[in-house]
PDB file of N, CA and C in Angstrom:
ATOM      1  N   MET A   1       0.701  -1.777  -0.369  1.00  0.00           N
ATOM      2  CA  MET A   1      -0.240  -0.020   0.137  1.00  0.00           C
ATOM      3  C   MET A   1       0.761   1.067   0.213  1.00  0.00           C
ATOM      4  N   GLU A   2       0.512   2.132  -0.594  1.00  0.00           N
ATOM      5  CA  GLU A   2       0.963   3.796  -0.335  1.00  0.00           C
ATOM      6  C   GLU A   2       0.240   4.362  -0.055  1.00  0.00           C
ATOM      7  N   GLN A   3       0.808   5.289   0.909  1.00  0.00           N
ATOM      8  CA  GLN A   3       0.363   6.401   1.718  1.00  0.00           C
ATOM      9  C   GLN A   3       0.568   7.730   1.271  1.00  0.00           C
ATOM     10  N   ASP A   4       0.042   8.494   1.557  1.00  0.00           N
ATOM     11  CA  ASP A   4       0.790  10.130   1.515  1.00  0.00           C
ATOM     12  C   ASP A   4       0.108  10.604   2.979  1.00  0.00           C
ATOM     13  N   TYR A   5       0.834  10.880   3.740  1.00  0.00           N
ATOM     14  CA  TYR A   5       0.458  11.662   5.464  1.00  0.00           C
ATOM     15  C   TYR A   5       0.183  13.077   4.840  1.00  0.00           C
ATOM     16  N   GLY A   6      -0.633  13.475   5.499  1.00  0.00           N
ATOM     17  CA  GLY A   6      -1.397  14.681   5.764  1.00  0.00           C
ATOM     18  C   GLY A   6      -1.107  15.219   7.236  1.00  0.00           C
ATOM     19  N   ALA A   7      -2.157  15.984   7.456  1.00  0.00           N
ATOM     20  CA  ALA A   7      -1.920  16.623   9.142  1.00  0.00           C
ATOM     21  C   ALA A   7      -2.387  15.327  10.304  1.00  0.00           C
ATOM     22  N   ASN A   8      -3.664  15.046   9.863  1.00  0.00           N
ATOM     23  CA  ASN A   8      -4.614  14.377  10.447  1.00  0.00           C
ATOM     24  C   ASN A   8      -5.334  13.122   9.751  1.00  0.00           C
ATOM     25  N   TYR A   9      -4.650  13.624   7.970  1.00  0.00           N
ATOM     26  CA  TYR A   9      -5.516  12.212   7.179  1.00  0.00           C
ATOM     27  C   TYR A   9      -4.483  12.031   6.723  1.00  0.00           C
ATOM     28  N   ILE A  10      -4.419  10.759   5.992  1.00  0.00           N
ATOM     29  CA  ILE A  10      -3.649  10.296   4.430  1.00  0.00           C
ATOM     30  C   ILE A  10      -4.657   9.698   4.054  1.00  0.00           C
ATOM     31  N   SER A  11      -4.343   9.410   2.591  1.00  0.00           N
ATOM     32  CA  SER A  11      -4.601   8.474   1.696  1.00  0.00           C
ATOM     33  C   SER A  11      -3.237   7.303   1.742  1.00  0.00           C
ATOM     34  N   ILE A  12      -4.706   6.218   1.128  1.00  0.00           N
ATOM     35  CA  ILE A  12      -3.878   4.973   0.751  1.00  0.00           C
ATOM     36  C   ILE A  12      -4.070   4.914  -0.362  1.00  0.00           C
ATOM     37  N   THR A  13      -3.557   3.625  -0.696  1.00  0.00           N
ATOM     38  CA  THR A  13      -3.756   3.335  -2.321  1.00  0.00           C
ATOM     39  C   THR A  13      -3.632   1.542  -1.956  1.00  0.00           C
ATOM     40  N   ASP A  14      -4.585   0.166  -2.016  1.00  0.00           N
ATOM     41  CA  ASP A  14      -4.979  -0.864  -1.876  1.00  0.00           C
ATOM     42  C   ASP A  14      -3.496  -1.666  -2.794  1.00  0.00           C
ATOM     43  N   GLU A  15      -3.049  -2.866  -2.925  1.00  0.00           N
ATOM     44  CA  GLU A  15      -2.789  -3.282  -4.383  1.00  0.00           C
ATOM     45  C   GLU A  15      -3.533  -3.146  -5.292  1.00  0.00           C
ATOM     46  N   ASP A  16      -5.035  -3.101  -5.091  1.00  0.00           N
ATOM     47  CA  ASP A  16      -5.607  -3.593  -6.350  1.00  0.00           C
ATOM     48  C   ASP A  16      -6.436  -2.054  -6.748  1.00  0.00           C
ATOM     49  N   GLY A  17      -5.369  -0.663  -6.263  1.00  0.00           N
ATOM     50  CA  GLY A  17      -5.532   0.390  -6.678  1.00  0.00           C
ATOM     51  C   GLY A  17      -6.102   1.695  -6.232  1.00  0.00           C
ATOM     52  N   VAL A  18      -6.999   0.717  -5.159  1.00  0.00           N
ATOM     53  CA  VAL A  18      -7.894   2.065  -4.845  1.00  0.00           C
ATOM     54  C   VAL A  18      -7.585   2.784  -3.853  1.00  0.00           C
ATOM     55  N   GLU A  19      -8.194   3.655  -3.631  1.00  0.00           N
ATOM     56  CA  GLU A  19      -7.859   4.743  -3.179  1.00  0.00           C
ATOM     57  C   GLU A  19      -8.653   5.188  -1.794  1.00  0.00           C
ATOM     58  N   TYR A  20      -8.032   5.526  -0.465  1.00  0.00           N
ATOM     59  CA  TYR A  20      -9.127   5.786   0.433  1.00  0.00           C
ATOM     60  C   TYR A  20      -8.664   6.794   0.868  1.00  0.00           C
ATOM     61  N   GLU A  21      -9.573   7.403   1.711  1.00  0.00           N
ATOM     62  CA  GLU A  21      -8.999   9.085   2.493  1.00  0.00           C
ATOM     63  C   GLU A  21      -9.090   8.337   4.371  1.00  0.00           C
ATOM     64  N   LEU A  22      -7.831   8.363   5.040  1.00  0.00           N
ATOM     65  CA  LEU A  22      -8.500   7.859   6.072  1.00  0.00           C
ATOM     66  C   LEU A  22      -8.086   9.173   7.227  1.00  0.00           C
ATOM     67  N   GLU A  23      -8.940   8.917   7.731  1.00  0.00           N
ATOM     68  CA  GLU A  23      -8.834  10.294   9.374  1.00  0.00           C
ATOM     69  C   GLU A  23      -7.605   9.009  10.454  1.00  0.00           C
ATOM     70  N   VAL A  24      -6.673   9.742  10.770  1.00  0.00           N
ATOM     71  CA  VAL A  24      -5.350   9.122  12.424  1.00  0.00           C
ATOM     72  C   VAL A  24      -6.406   9.279  13.188  1.00  0.00           C
ATOM     73  N   LEU A  25      -6.821   9.294  13.847  1.00  0.00           N
ATOM     74  CA  LEU A  25      -7.492   9.459  15.110  1.00  0.00           C
ATOM     75  C   LEU A  25      -6.286   9.229  16.309  1.00  0.00           C
ATOM     76  N   SER A  26      -5.618   8.114  16.475  1.00  0.00           N
ATOM     77  CA  SER A  26      -4.291   7.744  17.057  1.00  0.00           C
ATOM     78  C   SER A  26      -3.540   7.178  16.846  1.00  0.00           C
ATOM     79  N   THR A  27      -2.091   7.306  17.364  1.00  0.00           N
ATOM     80  CA  THR A  27      -0.822   6.462  16.599  1.00  0.00           C
ATOM     81  C   THR A  27      -0.095   6.118  18.632  1.00  0.00           C
ATOM     82  N   VAL A  28       0.574   5.156  17.959  1.00  0.00           N
ATOM     83  CA  VAL A  28       1.088   4.651  19.541  1.00  0.00           C
ATOM     84  C   VAL A  28       2.429   3.577  18.572  1.00  0.00           C
ATOM     85  N   THR A  29       3.159   3.573  19.890  1.00  0.00           N
ATOM     86  CA  THR A  29       4.509   2.452  19.428  1.00  0.00           C
ATOM     87  C   THR A  29       4.263   1.252  20.568  1.00  0.00           C
ATOM     88  N   TYR A  30       3.883   0.391  19.923  1.00  0.00           N
ATOM     89  CA  TYR A  30       4.139  -1.050  20.483  1.00  0.00           C
ATOM     90  C   TYR A  30       5.412  -1.942  19.933  1.00  0.00           C
ATOM     91  N   LYS A  31       6.055  -2.162  20.790  1.00  0.00           N
ATOM     92  CA  LYS A  31       7.329  -3.172  20.636  1.00  0.00           C
ATOM     93  C   LYS A  31       8.348  -2.290  19.439  1.00  0.00           C
ATOM     94  N   GLY A  32       8.752  -1.137  19.166  1.00  0.00           N
ATOM     95  CA  GLY A  32       9.020  -0.303  18.074  1.00  0.00           C
ATOM     96  C   GLY A  32       8.640  -0.009  17.147  1.00  0.00           C
ATOM     97  N   ALA A  33       7.525  -0.702  16.805  1.00  0.00           N
ATOM     98  CA  ALA A  33       6.674  -0.254  15.430  1.00  0.00           C
ATOM     99  C   ALA A  33       5.559   0.621  15.963  1.00  0.00           C
ATOM    100  N   GLU A  34       5.443   1.355  14.820  1.00  0.00           N
ATOM    101  CA  GLU A  34       4.607   2.284  15.146  1.00  0.00           C
ATOM    102  C   GLU A  34       2.656   1.787  14.515  1.00  0.00           C
ATOM    103  N   TYR A  35       1.928   1.915  15.297  1.00  0.00           N
ATOM    104  CA  TYR A  35       0.420   2.129  14.704  1.00  0.00           C
ATOM    105  C   TYR A  35      -0.587   2.675  14.458  1.00  0.00           C
ATOM    106  N   LEU A  36      -1.227   2.614  13.797  1.00  0.00           N
ATOM    107  CA  LEU A  36      -2.293   3.950  13.392  1.00  0.00           C
ATOM    108  C   LEU A  36      -3.722   3.908  13.781  1.00  0.00           C
ATOM    109  N   ALA A  37      -4.634   3.906  14.455  1.00  0.00           N
ATOM    110  CA  ALA A  37      -5.851   3.729  14.206  1.00  0.00           C
ATOM    111  C   ALA A  37      -6.398   4.895  13.664  1.00  0.00           C
ATOM    112  N   LEU A  38      -7.522   4.001  12.615  1.00  0.00           N
ATOM    113  CA  LEU A  38      -7.996   4.993  11.296  1.00  0.00           C
ATOM    114  C   LEU A  38      -9.383   5.157  11.261  1.00  0.00           C
ATOM    115  N   THR A  39      -9.974   6.093  10.188  1.00  0.00           N
ATOM    116  CA  THR A  39     -11.262   5.461  10.473  1.00  0.00           C
ATOM    117  C   THR A  39     -11.603   6.539   8.792  1.00  0.00           C
ATOM    118  N   PRO A  40     -12.603   5.895   7.975  1.00  0.00           N
ATOM    119  CA  PRO A  40     -12.946   6.707   6.856  1.00  0.00           C
ATOM    120  C   PRO A  40     -12.978   8.119   6.902  1.00  0.00           C
ATOM    121  N   ALA A  41     -12.657   8.800   6.150  1.00  0.00           N
ATOM    122  CA  ALA A  41     -12.518  10.499   6.463  1.00  0.00           C
ATOM    123  C   ALA A  41     -13.897  10.906   6.453  1.00  0.00           C
ATOM    124  N   ASP A  42     -14.791  10.242   5.587  1.00  0.00           N
ATOM    125  CA  ASP A  42     -15.762  10.557   5.208  1.00  0.00           C
ATOM    126  C   ASP A  42     -17.262   9.657   6.232  1.00  0.00           C
ATOM    127  N   ALA A  43     -16.425   9.484   7.681  1.00  0.00           N
ATOM    128  CA  ALA A  43     -17.503   8.898   8.053  1.00  0.00           C
ATOM    129  C   ALA A  43     -18.536  10.073   9.226  1.00  0.00           C
ATOM    130  N   ASP A  44     -19.195   9.630   9.460  1.00  0.00           N
ATOM    131  CA  ASP A  44     -20.240  10.435  10.088  1.00  0.00           C
ATOM    132  C   ASP A  44     -19.926  10.636  11.860  1.00  0.00           C
ATOM    133  N   GLU A  45     -19.464  11.354  12.184  1.00  0.00           N
ATOM    134  CA  GLU A  45     -18.729  11.094  13.593  1.00  0.00           C
ATOM    135  C   GLU A  45     -20.325  11.335  14.250  1.00  0.00           C
ATOM    136  N   ASP A  46     -21.558  11.356  14.515  1.00  0.00           N
ATOM    137  CA  ASP A  46     -22.769  11.221  15.233  1.00  0.00           C
ATOM    138  C   ASP A  46     -22.764  10.147  14.949  1.00  0.00           C
ATOM    139  N   ALA A  47     -22.035   8.680  14.423  1.00  0.00           N
ATOM    140  CA  ALA A  47     -22.814   7.686  14.220  1.00  0.00           C
ATOM    141  C   ALA A  47     -22.521   7.228  15.908  1.00  0.00           C
ATOM    142  N   GLU A  48     -23.373   6.148  16.187  1.00  0.00           N
ATOM    143  CA  GLU A  48     -22.823   5.117  17.125  1.00  0.00           C
ATOM    144  C   GLU A  48     -21.767   4.750  17.299  1.00  0.00           C
ATOM    145  N   GLU A  49     -21.549   3.946  16.346  1.00  0.00           N
ATOM    146  CA  GLU A  49     -20.450   3.405  16.304  1.00  0.00           C
ATOM    147  C   GLU A  49     -19.397   3.580  14.892  1.00  0.00           C
ATOM    148  N   LEU A  50     -18.352   3.474  14.798  1.00  0.00           N
ATOM    149  CA  LEU A  50     -17.010   4.092  14.361  1.00  0.00           C
ATOM    150  C   LEU A  50     -16.578   2.863  13.938  1.00  0.00           C
ATOM    151  N   GLU A  51     -16.168   2.808  12.815  1.00  0.00           N
ATOM    152  CA  GLU A  51     -15.236   2.037  11.551  1.00  0.00           C
ATOM    153  C   GLU A  51     -13.989   2.175  12.307  1.00  0.00           C
ATOM    154  N   VAL A  52     -13.239   1.522  13.025  1.00  0.00           N
ATOM    155  CA  VAL A  52     -11.944   2.141  13.598  1.00  0.00           C
ATOM    156  C   VAL A  52     -10.603   1.421  12.661  1.00  0.00           C
ATOM    157  N   SER A  53      -9.771   0.974  12.369  1.00  0.00           N
ATOM    158  CA  SER A  53      -9.115   0.090  11.175  1.00  0.00           C
ATOM    159  C   SER A  53      -7.601   0.436  11.835  1.00  0.00           C
ATOM    160  N   ILE A  54      -6.992  -0.873  12.591  1.00  0.00           N
ATOM    161  CA  ILE A  54      -5.651  -1.072  13.340  1.00  0.00           C
ATOM    162  C   ILE A  54      -4.335  -0.864  12.362  1.00  0.00           C
ATOM    163  N   LEU A  55      -3.808  -0.505  11.406  1.00  0.00           N
ATOM    164  CA  LEU A  55      -2.926  -0.893  10.766  1.00  0.00           C
ATOM    165  C   LEU A  55      -1.233  -0.649  11.237  1.00  0.00           C
ATOM    166  N   LYS A  56      -0.423  -1.429  11.023  1.00  0.00           N
ATOM    167  CA  LYS A  56       0.963  -0.705  11.205  1.00  0.00           C
ATOM    168  C   LYS A  56       1.630  -0.605  10.342  1.00  0.00           C
ATOM    169  N   SER A  57       2.559   0.446  10.533  1.00  0.00           N
ATOM    170  CA  SER A  57       3.363   0.872   9.967  1.00  0.00           C
ATOM    171  C   SER A  57       5.055   0.078   9.597  1.00  0.00           C
ATOM    172  N   VAL A  58       5.117  -0.187   8.392  1.00  0.00           N
ATOM    173  CA  VAL A  58       6.542  -1.043   8.240  1.00  0.00           C
ATOM    174  C   VAL A  58       7.444  -0.361   7.117  1.00  0.00           C
ATOM    175  N   MET A  59       8.508  -0.743   7.174  1.00  0.00           N
ATOM    176  CA  MET A  59       9.232   0.205   5.785  1.00  0.00           C
ATOM    177  C   MET A  59      10.111  -1.032   4.648  1.00  0.00           C
ATOM    178  N   ASP A  60       9.200  -0.487   3.594  1.00  0.00           N
ATOM    179  CA  ASP A  60       9.584  -1.370   2.749  1.00  0.00           C
ATOM    180  C   ASP A  60      10.629  -0.102   1.773  1.00  0.00           C
ATOM    181  N   GLY A  61      11.959  -1.048   1.715  1.00  0.00           N
ATOM    182  CA  GLY A  61      12.456   0.144   1.544  1.00  0.00           C
ATOM    183  C   GLY A  61      13.307   1.120   2.208  1.00  0.00           C
ATOM    184  N   ASP A  62      12.838   1.976   1.476  1.00  0.00           N
ATOM    185  CA  ASP A  62      13.169   3.711   1.581  1.00  0.00           C
ATOM    186  C   ASP A  62      12.010   4.147   2.555  1.00  0.00           C
ATOM    187  N   GLU A  63      10.437   3.175   2.205  1.00  0.00           N
ATOM    188  CA  GLU A  63       8.928   4.093   1.780  1.00  0.00           C
ATOM    189  C   GLU A  63       8.788   3.245   2.894  1.00  0.00           C
ATOM    190  N   PRO A  64       7.721   4.366   4.436  1.00  0.00           N
ATOM    191  CA  PRO A  64       6.737   3.319   4.848  1.00  0.00           C
ATOM    192  C   PRO A  64       5.718   2.964   4.549  1.00  0.00           C
ATOM    193  N   VAL A  65       5.291   1.756   4.655  1.00  0.00           N
ATOM    194  CA  VAL A  65       4.240   1.619   4.611  1.00  0.00           C
ATOM    195  C   VAL A  65       2.930   0.857   5.041  1.00  0.00           C
ATOM    196  N   LEU A  66       1.646   1.285   4.803  1.00  0.00           N
ATOM    197  CA  LEU A  66       0.858   0.352   5.794  1.00  0.00           C
ATOM    198  C   LEU A  66       0.108  -0.767   5.834  1.00  0.00           C
ATOM    199  N   VAL A  67       0.180  -2.252   6.771  1.00  0.00           N
ATOM    200  CA  VAL A  67       0.061  -3.188   6.359  1.00  0.00           C
ATOM    201  C   VAL A  67      -0.966  -3.558   7.665  1.00  0.00           C
ATOM    202  N   ALA A  68      -2.113  -4.228   7.101  1.00  0.00           N
ATOM    203  CA  ALA A  68      -2.923  -5.094   8.520  1.00  0.00           C
ATOM    204  C   ALA A  68      -2.040  -5.583   9.656  1.00  0.00           C
ATOM    205  N   VAL A  69      -2.553  -5.875  10.463  1.00  0.00           N
ATOM    206  CA  VAL A  69      -1.833  -7.044  11.663  1.00  0.00           C
ATOM    207  C   VAL A  69      -2.623  -7.938  11.933  1.00  0.00           C
ATOM    208  N   GLU A  70      -2.148  -8.432  11.329  1.00  0.00           N
ATOM    209  CA  GLU A  70      -2.142 -10.444  11.196  1.00  0.00           C
ATOM    210  C   GLU A  70      -2.510 -11.258  12.799  1.00  0.00           C
ATOM    211  N   ASP A  71      -1.670 -11.088  13.309  1.00  0.00           N
ATOM    212  CA  ASP A  71      -1.398 -11.575  15.182  1.00  0.00           C
ATOM    213  C   ASP A  71      -2.785 -11.245  15.754  1.00  0.00           C
ATOM    214  N   ASP A  72      -3.834 -11.994  15.651  1.00  0.00           N
ATOM    215  CA  ASP A  72      -4.844 -11.219  17.523  1.00  0.00           C
ATOM    216  C   ASP A  72      -4.074 -11.287  17.931  1.00  0.00           C
ATOM    217  N   ALA A  73      -2.838 -11.429  19.219  1.00  0.00           N
ATOM    218  CA  ALA A  73      -2.226 -11.166  20.114  1.00  0.00           C
ATOM    219  C   ALA A  73      -1.834 -10.079  20.019  1.00  0.00           C
ATOM    220  N   GLU A  74      -0.996  -9.290  18.785  1.00  0.00           N
ATOM    221  CA  GLU A  74      -0.717  -8.796  18.667  1.00  0.00           C
ATOM    222  C   GLU A  74      -2.079  -7.554  18.237  1.00  0.00           C
ATOM    223  N   LEU A  75      -2.378  -7.135  17.413  1.00  0.00           N
ATOM    224  CA  LEU A  75      -3.243  -6.756  17.479  1.00  0.00           C
ATOM    225  C   LEU A  75      -4.260  -6.022  18.468  1.00  0.00           C
ATOM    226  N   GLU A  76      -4.748  -7.376  19.542  1.00  0.00           N
ATOM    227  CA  GLU A  76      -5.060  -7.098  20.706  1.00  0.00           C
ATOM    228  C   GLU A  76      -4.394  -5.982  21.508  1.00  0.00           C
ATOM    229  N   ALA A  77      -3.185  -6.528  22.001  1.00  0.00           N
ATOM    230  CA  ALA A  77      -1.947  -5.609  22.194  1.00  0.00           C
ATOM    231  C   ALA A  77      -1.859  -4.097  22.267  1.00  0.00           C
ATOM    232  N   VAL A  78      -2.766  -3.780  21.238  1.00  0.00           N
ATOM    233  CA  VAL A  78      -2.192  -2.591  20.285  1.00  0.00           C
ATOM    234  C   VAL A  78      -3.893  -2.110  20.713  1.00  0.00           C
ATOM    235  N   TYR A  79      -4.571  -2.566  20.436  1.00  0.00           N
ATOM    236  CA  TYR A  79      -6.056  -1.996  20.796  1.00  0.00           C
ATOM    237  C   TYR A  79      -6.160  -1.610  22.459  1.00  0.00           C
ATOM    238  N   ASP A  80      -5.212  -2.412  22.881  1.00  0.00           N
ATOM    239  CA  ASP A  80      -5.801  -1.695  24.555  1.00  0.00           C
ATOM    240  C   ASP A  80      -4.788  -0.727  24.468  1.00  0.00           C
ATOM    241  N   LEU A  81      -3.366  -0.534  24.373  1.00  0.00           N
ATOM    242  CA  LEU A  81      -2.940   0.201  23.987  1.00  0.00           C
ATOM    243  C   LEU A  81      -3.508   1.391  23.223  1.00  0.00           C
ATOM    244  N   LEU A  82      -3.927   1.800  22.181  1.00  0.00           N
ATOM    245  CA  LEU A  82      -4.764   2.732  21.560  1.00  0.00           C
ATOM    246  C   LEU A  82      -6.031   3.297  22.634  1.00  0.00           C
ATOM    247  N   MET A  83      -6.368   2.515  22.907  1.00  0.00           N
ATOM    248  CA  MET A  83      -7.912   2.810  24.287  1.00  0.00           C
ATOM    249  C   MET A  83      -7.083   3.601  25.414  1.00  0.00           C
ATOM    250  N   GLN A  84      -6.004   3.165  26.064  1.00  0.00           N
ATOM    251  CA  GLN A  84      -5.559   3.430  27.168  1.00  0.00           C
ATOM    252  C   GLN A  84      -5.467   5.328  26.408  1.00  0.00           C
ATOM    253  N   THR A  85      -4.403   5.532  25.247  1.00  0.00           N
ATOM    254  CA  THR A  85      -3.625   5.616  25.014  1.00  0.00           C
ATOM    255  C   THR A  85      -5.587   7.322  24.446  1.00  0.00           C
ATOM    256  N   MET A  86      -5.535   6.768  24.191  1.00  0.00           N
ATOM    257  CA  MET A  86      -6.841   8.029  23.568  1.00  0.00           C
ATOM    258  C   MET A  86      -7.714   8.430  24.752  1.00  0.00           C
ATOM    259  N   PHE A  87      -7.881   7.330  26.146  1.00  0.00           N
ATOM    260  CA  PHE A  87      -8.590   7.603  27.301  1.00  0.00           C
ATOM    261  C   PHE A  87      -7.640   9.102  27.966  1.00  0.00           C
ATOM    262  N   GLU A  88      -6.124   8.807  27.839  1.00  0.00           N
ATOM    263  CA  GLU A  88      -5.945   9.643  28.663  1.00  0.00           C
ATOM    264  C   GLU A  88      -5.802  10.736  28.405  1.00  0.00           C
ATOM    265  N   ASP A  89      -5.776  10.903  26.469  1.00  0.00           N
ATOM    266  CA  ASP A  89      -5.951  12.107  25.897  1.00  0.00           C
ATOM    267  C   ASP A  89      -7.281  13.018  26.132  1.00  0.00           C
ATOM    268  N   ASP A  90      -8.271  12.551  26.624  1.00  0.00           N
ATOM    269  CA  ASP A  90      -9.696  12.683  26.810  1.00  0.00           C
ATOM    270  C   ASP A  90      -9.322  13.280  28.593  1.00  0.00           C
ATOM    271  N   GLU A  91      -8.941  12.764  28.819  1.00  0.00           N
ATOM    272  CA  GLU A  91      -8.858  13.268  30.586  1.00  0.00           C
ATOM    273  C   GLU A  91      -7.766  14.022  30.583  1.00  0.00           C
ATOM    274  N   SER A  92      -6.829  14.364  30.005  1.00  0.00           N
ATOM    275  CA  SER A  92      -6.005  16.121  30.221  1.00  0.00           C
ATOM    276  C   SER A  92      -6.505  16.638  29.333  1.00  0.00           C
ATOM    277  N   GLU A  93      -7.668  16.961  28.030  1.00  0.00           N
ATOM    278  CA  GLU A  93      -8.118  17.908  27.603  1.00  0.00           C
ATOM    279  C   GLU A  93      -8.923  18.325  28.618  1.00  0.00           C
ATOM    280  N   ASP A  94      -9.637  17.148  29.541  1.00  0.00           N
ATOM    281  CA  ASP A  94     -10.862  17.333  30.308  1.00  0.00           C
ATOM    282  C   ASP A  94     -10.347  18.381  31.326  1.00  0.00           C
ATOM    283  N   LEU A  95      -9.192  17.773  31.958  1.00  0.00           N
ATOM    284  CA  LEU A  95      -8.507  18.922  32.711  1.00  0.00           C
ATOM    285  C   LEU A  95      -7.851  20.194  32.675  1.00  0.00           C
ATOM    286  N   THR A  96      -7.847  20.581  31.205  1.00  0.00           N
ATOM    287  CA  THR A  96      -7.601  21.934  30.918  1.00  0.00           C
ATOM    288  C   THR A  96      -8.545  23.432  30.420  1.00  0.00           C
ATOM    289  N   LEU A  97      -9.657  22.074  30.976  1.00  0.00           N
ATOM    290  CA  LEU A  97     -10.835  22.802  30.237  1.00  0.00           C
ATOM    291  C   LEU A  97     -11.114  23.709  31.485  1.00  0.00           C
TER     292      LEU A  97
END
């Protein structure tokens, strides 16, 4: 997959040439690798459930690429870390208000 990084949005192209615009909700580092929590850029923020994907950033030569996390234990650990990080961010924002 190719991707172009922007502020809080990225555009990725899958192996079939389909392009997706995604919003980066959060990033974390787990065991030395970077993981991104992503949602479609056009997602309805008022929806009860938000479709979130977790992808791992790996180097392909000199270029970073995003790949699906295949290992269930790794995915669960990263999910827990992302949730912890996102809730910590929410709590710190509440304290500054």
